[in-house]
């Protein structure tokens, strides 16, 4: 494990705890010798996590679409900034560069990035760990909804267990090093197709 993608908001959110968690995560990644891969912005908790990793001596790779680069929100002080054409290319590049994924608080874009890598894991497109850093209980309702998905048989329990959830970065990253993905199964049998 060498590089971890972090998906998070371009806002700092309503609580200072979100920025604090982002700082802790950036610092922890650097301490573990892991390169941070993120969306390349200098604003919101995206900028916070990148700055914390840099201040702790870590390497930071940003992947930013050209349209956001042109809005002058790119972080120019990071180790490497990769400019791509579209948001789709950004996600694909981040997945290609990374050995695991961490989700911090964010909005629809963060959710979309999370759900895409989560879906890819369920389909066997990758076998990389996915973690939610549940800062200030931000994701409690989403986790409850996952329980509902399992209850209603739209999500297998073993797929729910693919998501590592912690409130502190250190145990979250520690679980990444020992992650063992579950075997992939299907809801329907070949005879039902």
C-alpha atoms as a PDB file:
ATOM      1  CA  UNK A   1       0.000   0.000   0.000  1.00  0.00           C
ATOM      2  CA  UNK A   2       1.554   3.239  -1.201  1.00  0.00           C
ATOM      3  CA  UNK A   3      -1.173   5.732  -2.148  1.00  0.00           C
ATOM      4  CA  UNK A   4      -4.596   6.539  -0.711  1.00  0.00           C
ATOM      5  CA  UNK A   5      -7.284   8.567  -2.492  1.00  0.00           C
ATOM      6  CA  UNK A   6      -9.306  10.875  -0.310  1.00  0.00           C
ATOM      7  CA  UNK A   7     -12.730  12.062  -1.444  1.00  0.00           C
ATOM      8  CA  UNK A   8     -14.033  15.126   0.397  1.00  0.00           C
ATOM      9  CA  UNK A   9     -15.771  18.458   0.147  1.00  0.00           C
ATOM     10  CA  UNK A  10     -14.651  21.730  -1.375  1.00  0.00           C
ATOM     11  CA  UNK A  11     -16.320  23.367   1.647  1.00  0.00           C
ATOM     12  CA  UNK A  12     -15.171  23.213   5.255  1.00  0.00           C
ATOM     13  CA  UNK A  13     -18.714  22.472   6.426  1.00  0.00           C
ATOM     14  CA  UNK A  14     -20.648  23.719   9.434  1.00  0.00           C
ATOM     15  CA  UNK A  15     -18.450  22.211  12.146  1.00  0.00           C
ATOM     16  CA  UNK A  16     -14.725  22.813  12.784  1.00  0.00           C
ATOM     17  CA  UNK A  17     -14.522  19.077  13.546  1.00  0.00           C
ATOM     18  CA  UNK A  18     -14.564  18.336   9.798  1.00  0.00           C
ATOM     19  CA  UNK A  19     -11.375  20.319   9.212  1.00  0.00           C
ATOM     20  CA  UNK A  20      -9.818  18.814  12.327  1.00  0.00           C
ATOM     21  CA  UNK A  21     -10.484  15.271  11.055  1.00  0.00           C
ATOM     22  CA  UNK A  22      -9.076  16.203   7.652  1.00  0.00           C
ATOM     23  CA  UNK A  23      -5.902  17.533   9.319  1.00  0.00           C
ATOM     24  CA  UNK A  24      -5.559  14.357  11.366  1.00  0.00           C
ATOM     25  CA  UNK A  25      -6.009  12.188   8.282  1.00  0.00           C
ATOM     26  CA  UNK A  26      -3.463  14.114   6.209  1.00  0.00           C
ATOM     27  CA  UNK A  27      -0.961  13.911   9.062  1.00  0.00           C
ATOM     28  CA  UNK A  28      -1.616  10.190   9.598  1.00  0.00           C
ATOM     29  CA  UNK A  29      -1.134   9.380   5.919  1.00  0.00           C
ATOM     30  CA  UNK A  30       2.224  11.171   5.938  1.00  0.00           C
ATOM     31  CA  UNK A  31       3.288   9.389   9.157  1.00  0.00           C
ATOM     32  CA  UNK A  32       2.470   6.031   7.531  1.00  0.00           C
ATOM     33  CA  UNK A  33       4.503   6.963   4.454  1.00  0.00           C
ATOM     34  CA  UNK A  34       1.384   6.950   2.282  1.00  0.00           C
ATOM     35  CA  UNK A  35       0.964   9.397  -0.578  1.00  0.00           C
ATOM     36  CA  UNK A  36      -2.273  11.370  -0.559  1.00  0.00           C
ATOM     37  CA  UNK A  37      -4.166  11.384  -3.858  1.00  0.00           C
ATOM     38  CA  UNK A  38      -7.022  13.877  -3.897  1.00  0.00           C
ATOM     39  CA  UNK A  39      -8.997  16.288  -6.083  1.00  0.00           C
ATOM     40  CA  UNK A  40      -6.242  18.895  -6.403  1.00  0.00           C
ATOM     41  CA  UNK A  41      -8.069  21.863  -4.878  1.00  0.00           C
ATOM     42  CA  UNK A  42      -6.773  24.371  -2.342  1.00  0.00           C
ATOM     43  CA  UNK A  43     -10.241  25.093  -0.886  1.00  0.00           C
ATOM     44  CA  UNK A  44     -12.445  23.397   1.711  1.00  0.00           C
ATOM     45  CA  UNK A  45     -11.401  20.274   3.529  1.00  0.00           C
ATOM     46  CA  UNK A  46      -9.693  19.229   0.295  1.00  0.00           C
ATOM     47  CA  UNK A  47      -7.144  21.959   0.926  1.00  0.00           C
ATOM     48  CA  UNK A  48      -6.993  21.144   4.642  1.00  0.00           C
ATOM     49  CA  UNK A  49      -6.124  17.470   4.127  1.00  0.00           C
ATOM     50  CA  UNK A  50      -3.508  18.316   1.471  1.00  0.00           C
ATOM     51  CA  UNK A  51      -1.847  21.003   3.588  1.00  0.00           C
ATOM     52  CA  UNK A  52      -1.737  18.720   6.631  1.00  0.00           C
ATOM     53  CA  UNK A  53      -0.071  15.937   4.642  1.00  0.00           C
ATOM     54  CA  UNK A  54       2.477  18.382   3.224  1.00  0.00           C
ATOM     55  CA  UNK A  55       3.208  19.913   6.642  1.00  0.00           C
ATOM     56  CA  UNK A  56       3.844  16.413   8.014  1.00  0.00           C
ATOM     57  CA  UNK A  57       6.360  15.751   5.230  1.00  0.00           C
ATOM     58  CA  UNK A  58       4.086  13.669   3.019  1.00  0.00           C
ATOM     59  CA  UNK A  59       3.723  13.500  -0.728  1.00  0.00           C
ATOM     60  CA  UNK A  60       0.503  14.853  -2.257  1.00  0.00           C
ATOM     61  CA  UNK A  61      -0.818  14.212  -5.769  1.00  0.00           C
ATOM     62  CA  UNK A  62      -3.773  16.253  -6.962  1.00  0.00           C
ATOM     63  CA  UNK A  63      -5.976  15.321  -9.911  1.00  0.00           C
ATOM     64  CA  UNK A  64      -8.051  18.234 -11.175  1.00  0.00           C
ATOM     65  CA  UNK A  65     -10.231  18.761 -14.233  1.00  0.00           C
ATOM     66  CA  UNK A  66      -9.258  21.609 -16.562  1.00  0.00           C
ATOM     67  CA  UNK A  67     -12.501  23.506 -15.841  1.00  0.00           C
ATOM     68  CA  UNK A  68     -11.652  23.731 -12.131  1.00  0.00           C
ATOM     69  CA  UNK A  69      -8.043  24.633 -12.906  1.00  0.00           C
ATOM     70  CA  UNK A  70      -9.365  27.572 -14.899  1.00  0.00           C
ATOM     71  CA  UNK A  71     -11.393  28.762 -11.883  1.00  0.00           C
ATOM     72  CA  UNK A  72      -8.072  29.161 -10.038  1.00  0.00           C
ATOM     73  CA  UNK A  73      -8.816  26.797  -7.190  1.00  0.00           C
ATOM     74  CA  UNK A  74      -5.986  24.372  -7.965  1.00  0.00           C
ATOM     75  CA  UNK A  75      -3.445  23.809  -5.207  1.00  0.00           C
ATOM     76  CA  UNK A  76      -0.110  24.799  -6.725  1.00  0.00           C
ATOM     77  CA  UNK A  77       2.002  23.905  -3.686  1.00  0.00           C
ATOM     78  CA  UNK A  78       1.550  20.116  -3.824  1.00  0.00           C
ATOM     79  CA  UNK A  79       4.048  17.476  -4.968  1.00  0.00           C
ATOM     80  CA  UNK A  80       2.311  16.826  -8.300  1.00  0.00           C
ATOM     81  CA  UNK A  81      -0.774  18.241 -10.003  1.00  0.00           C
ATOM     82  CA  UNK A  82      -2.323  16.190 -12.808  1.00  0.00           C
ATOM     83  CA  UNK A  83      -4.750  18.095 -15.034  1.00  0.00           C
ATOM     84  CA  UNK A  84      -7.410  16.033 -16.825  1.00  0.00           C
ATOM     85  CA  UNK A  85     -10.219  16.984 -19.187  1.00  0.00           C
ATOM     86  CA  UNK A  86     -13.312  15.770 -17.309  1.00  0.00           C
ATOM     87  CA  UNK A  87     -14.632  14.726 -13.915  1.00  0.00           C
ATOM     88  CA  UNK A  88     -14.893  11.161 -15.267  1.00  0.00           C
ATOM     89  CA  UNK A  89     -11.190  11.181 -16.124  1.00  0.00           C
ATOM     90  CA  UNK A  90     -10.414  12.523 -12.646  1.00  0.00           C
ATOM     91  CA  UNK A  91     -12.112   9.558 -10.943  1.00  0.00           C
ATOM     92  CA  UNK A  92     -10.511   7.037 -13.268  1.00  0.00           C
ATOM     93  CA  UNK A  93      -7.051   8.539 -12.701  1.00  0.00           C
ATOM     94  CA  UNK A  94      -7.508   8.664  -8.922  1.00  0.00           C
ATOM     95  CA  UNK A  95      -8.602   5.005  -8.897  1.00  0.00           C
ATOM     96  CA  UNK A  96      -5.651   4.026 -11.089  1.00  0.00           C
ATOM     97  CA  UNK A  97      -3.144   5.809  -8.821  1.00  0.00           C
ATOM     98  CA  UNK A  98      -4.540   4.529  -5.518  1.00  0.00           C
ATOM     99  CA  UNK A  99      -4.350   1.435  -3.343  1.00  0.00           C
ATOM    100  CA  UNK A 100      -7.349   2.437  -1.190  1.00  0.00           C
ATOM    101  CA  UNK A 101      -9.974   5.124  -0.683  1.00  0.00           C
ATOM    102  CA  UNK A 102     -11.055   7.255   2.279  1.00  0.00           C
ATOM    103  CA  UNK A 103     -14.214   9.343   2.335  1.00  0.00           C
ATOM    104  CA  UNK A 104     -14.382  12.497   4.458  1.00  0.00           C
ATOM    105  CA  UNK A 105     -17.500  14.668   4.746  1.00  0.00           C
ATOM    106  CA  UNK A 106     -18.631  16.221   1.487  1.00  0.00           C
ATOM    107  CA  UNK A 107     -21.599  16.841  -0.762  1.00  0.00           C
ATOM    108  CA  UNK A 108     -23.023  15.143  -3.857  1.00  0.00           C
ATOM    109  CA  UNK A 109     -19.659  15.047  -5.655  1.00  0.00           C
ATOM    110  CA  UNK A 110     -18.043  13.242  -2.722  1.00  0.00           C
ATOM    111  CA  UNK A 111     -20.971  10.824  -2.560  1.00  0.00           C
ATOM    112  CA  UNK A 112     -20.750  10.154  -6.277  1.00  0.00           C
ATOM    113  CA  UNK A 113     -17.015   9.399  -6.031  1.00  0.00           C
ATOM    114  CA  UNK A 114     -17.587   7.118  -3.045  1.00  0.00           C
ATOM    115  CA  UNK A 115     -20.458   5.208  -4.643  1.00  0.00           C
ATOM    116  CA  UNK A 116     -18.547   4.697  -7.865  1.00  0.00           C
ATOM    117  CA  UNK A 117     -15.509   3.080  -6.197  1.00  0.00           C
ATOM    118  CA  UNK A 118     -17.845   1.124  -3.904  1.00  0.00           C
ATOM    119  CA  UNK A 119     -19.801  -0.183  -6.893  1.00  0.00           C
ATOM    120  CA  UNK A 120     -16.553  -1.069  -8.661  1.00  0.00           C
ATOM    121  CA  UNK A 121     -15.520  -3.076  -5.587  1.00  0.00           C
ATOM    122  CA  UNK A 122     -18.816  -4.985  -5.571  1.00  0.00           C
ATOM    123  CA  UNK A 123     -18.376  -5.795  -9.258  1.00  0.00           C
ATOM    124  CA  UNK A 124     -14.802  -6.984  -8.718  1.00  0.00           C
ATOM    125  CA  UNK A 125     -13.245  -4.142 -10.711  1.00  0.00           C
ATOM    126  CA  UNK A 126     -10.844  -3.606  -7.801  1.00  0.00           C
ATOM    127  CA  UNK A 127     -10.080  -5.270  -4.453  1.00  0.00           C
ATOM    128  CA  UNK A 128      -8.943  -2.130  -2.622  1.00  0.00           C
ATOM    129  CA  UNK A 129     -10.129  -1.025   0.829  1.00  0.00           C
ATOM    130  CA  UNK A 130     -12.724   1.728   1.155  1.00  0.00           C
ATOM    131  CA  UNK A 131     -13.035   3.652   4.398  1.00  0.00           C
ATOM    132  CA  UNK A 132     -15.409   6.237   5.771  1.00  0.00           C
ATOM    133  CA  UNK A 133     -13.938   8.645   8.303  1.00  0.00           C
ATOM    134  CA  UNK A 134     -17.177   9.384  10.131  1.00  0.00           C
ATOM    135  CA  UNK A 135     -16.222  12.837  11.417  1.00  0.00           C
ATOM    136  CA  UNK A 136     -18.733  14.333  13.831  1.00  0.00           C
ATOM    137  CA  UNK A 137     -21.091  11.426  12.954  1.00  0.00           C
ATOM    138  CA  UNK A 138     -21.583  12.969   9.503  1.00  0.00           C
ATOM    139  CA  UNK A 139     -22.320   9.609   7.854  1.00  0.00           C
ATOM    140  CA  UNK A 140     -24.552   8.062  10.546  1.00  0.00           C
ATOM    141  CA  UNK A 141     -27.709   8.332   8.424  1.00  0.00           C
ATOM    142  CA  UNK A 142     -25.965   6.849   5.390  1.00  0.00           C
ATOM    143  CA  UNK A 143     -24.785   3.909   7.502  1.00  0.00           C
ATOM    144  CA  UNK A 144     -28.347   3.420   8.764  1.00  0.00           C
ATOM    145  CA  UNK A 145     -29.520   3.431   5.151  1.00  0.00           C
ATOM    146  CA  UNK A 146     -26.985   0.692   4.336  1.00  0.00           C
ATOM    147  CA  UNK A 147     -28.582  -1.384   7.123  1.00  0.00           C
ATOM    148  CA  UNK A 148     -31.944  -0.763   5.426  1.00  0.00           C
ATOM    149  CA  UNK A 149     -30.514  -1.858   2.051  1.00  0.00           C
ATOM    150  CA  UNK A 150     -29.341  -5.121   3.642  1.00  0.00           C
ATOM    151  CA  UNK A 151     -32.705  -5.665   5.350  1.00  0.00           C
ATOM    152  CA  UNK A 152     -34.530  -5.102   2.057  1.00  0.00           C
ATOM    153  CA  UNK A 153     -32.075  -7.406   0.225  1.00  0.00           C
ATOM    154  CA  UNK A 154     -30.590  -4.827  -2.123  1.00  0.00           C
ATOM    155  CA  UNK A 155     -27.165  -5.060  -0.465  1.00  0.00           C
ATOM    156  CA  UNK A 156     -25.476  -8.243   0.699  1.00  0.00           C
ATOM    157  CA  UNK A 157     -24.083  -8.130   4.244  1.00  0.00           C
ATOM    158  CA  UNK A 158     -20.619  -9.076   2.986  1.00  0.00           C
ATOM    159  CA  UNK A 159     -20.698  -6.104   0.610  1.00  0.00           C
ATOM    160  CA  UNK A 160     -21.725  -3.820   3.452  1.00  0.00           C
ATOM    161  CA  UNK A 161     -18.691  -5.138   5.347  1.00  0.00           C
ATOM    162  CA  UNK A 162     -16.439  -3.891   2.518  1.00  0.00           C
ATOM    163  CA  UNK A 163     -16.752  -0.404   4.003  1.00  0.00           C
ATOM    164  CA  UNK A 164     -14.432   0.267   6.919  1.00  0.00           C
ATOM    165  CA  UNK A 165     -15.974   2.886   9.214  1.00  0.00           C
ATOM    166  CA  UNK A 166     -14.018   4.672  11.936  1.00  0.00           C
ATOM    167  CA  UNK A 167     -14.168   8.044  13.668  1.00  0.00           C
ATOM    168  CA  UNK A 168     -10.382   8.311  13.985  1.00  0.00           C
ATOM    169  CA  UNK A 169      -7.856   8.187  11.096  1.00  0.00           C
ATOM    170  CA  UNK A 170      -5.249   5.988  12.803  1.00  0.00           C
ATOM    171  CA  UNK A 171      -7.392   2.835  13.272  1.00  0.00           C
ATOM    172  CA  UNK A 172      -8.968   3.430   9.860  1.00  0.00           C
ATOM    173  CA  UNK A 173      -5.605   3.368   8.083  1.00  0.00           C
ATOM    174  CA  UNK A 174      -4.423   0.430  10.209  1.00  0.00           C
ATOM    175  CA  UNK A 175      -7.410  -1.595   8.934  1.00  0.00           C
ATOM    176  CA  UNK A 176      -6.377  -0.804   5.359  1.00  0.00           C
ATOM    177  CA  UNK A 177      -3.118  -2.717   5.817  1.00  0.00           C
ATOM    178  CA  UNK A 178      -4.986  -5.889   6.864  1.00  0.00           C
ATOM    179  CA  UNK A 179      -8.021  -5.560   4.568  1.00  0.00           C
ATOM    180  CA  UNK A 180      -9.188  -8.845   3.077  1.00  0.00           C
ATOM    181  CA  UNK A 181     -12.009  -8.336   0.553  1.00  0.00           C
ATOM    182  CA  UNK A 182     -14.959 -10.735   0.748  1.00  0.00           C
ATOM    183  CA  UNK A 183     -15.600 -13.205  -2.074  1.00  0.00           C
ATOM    184  CA  UNK A 184     -17.900 -11.851  -4.757  1.00  0.00           C
ATOM    185  CA  UNK A 185     -21.346 -13.420  -5.087  1.00  0.00           C
ATOM    186  CA  UNK A 186     -24.477 -12.646  -7.088  1.00  0.00           C
ATOM    187  CA  UNK A 187     -28.094 -12.215  -6.008  1.00  0.00           C
ATOM    188  CA  UNK A 188     -29.392 -14.350  -8.854  1.00  0.00           C
ATOM    189  CA  UNK A 189     -28.305 -17.769 -10.031  1.00  0.00           C
ATOM    190  CA  UNK A 190     -27.375 -18.675 -13.575  1.00  0.00           C
ATOM    191  CA  UNK A 191     -30.641 -20.623 -13.848  1.00  0.00           C
ATOM    192  CA  UNK A 192     -32.610 -17.433 -13.134  1.00  0.00           C
ATOM    193  CA  UNK A 193     -31.083 -15.587 -16.091  1.00  0.00           C
END
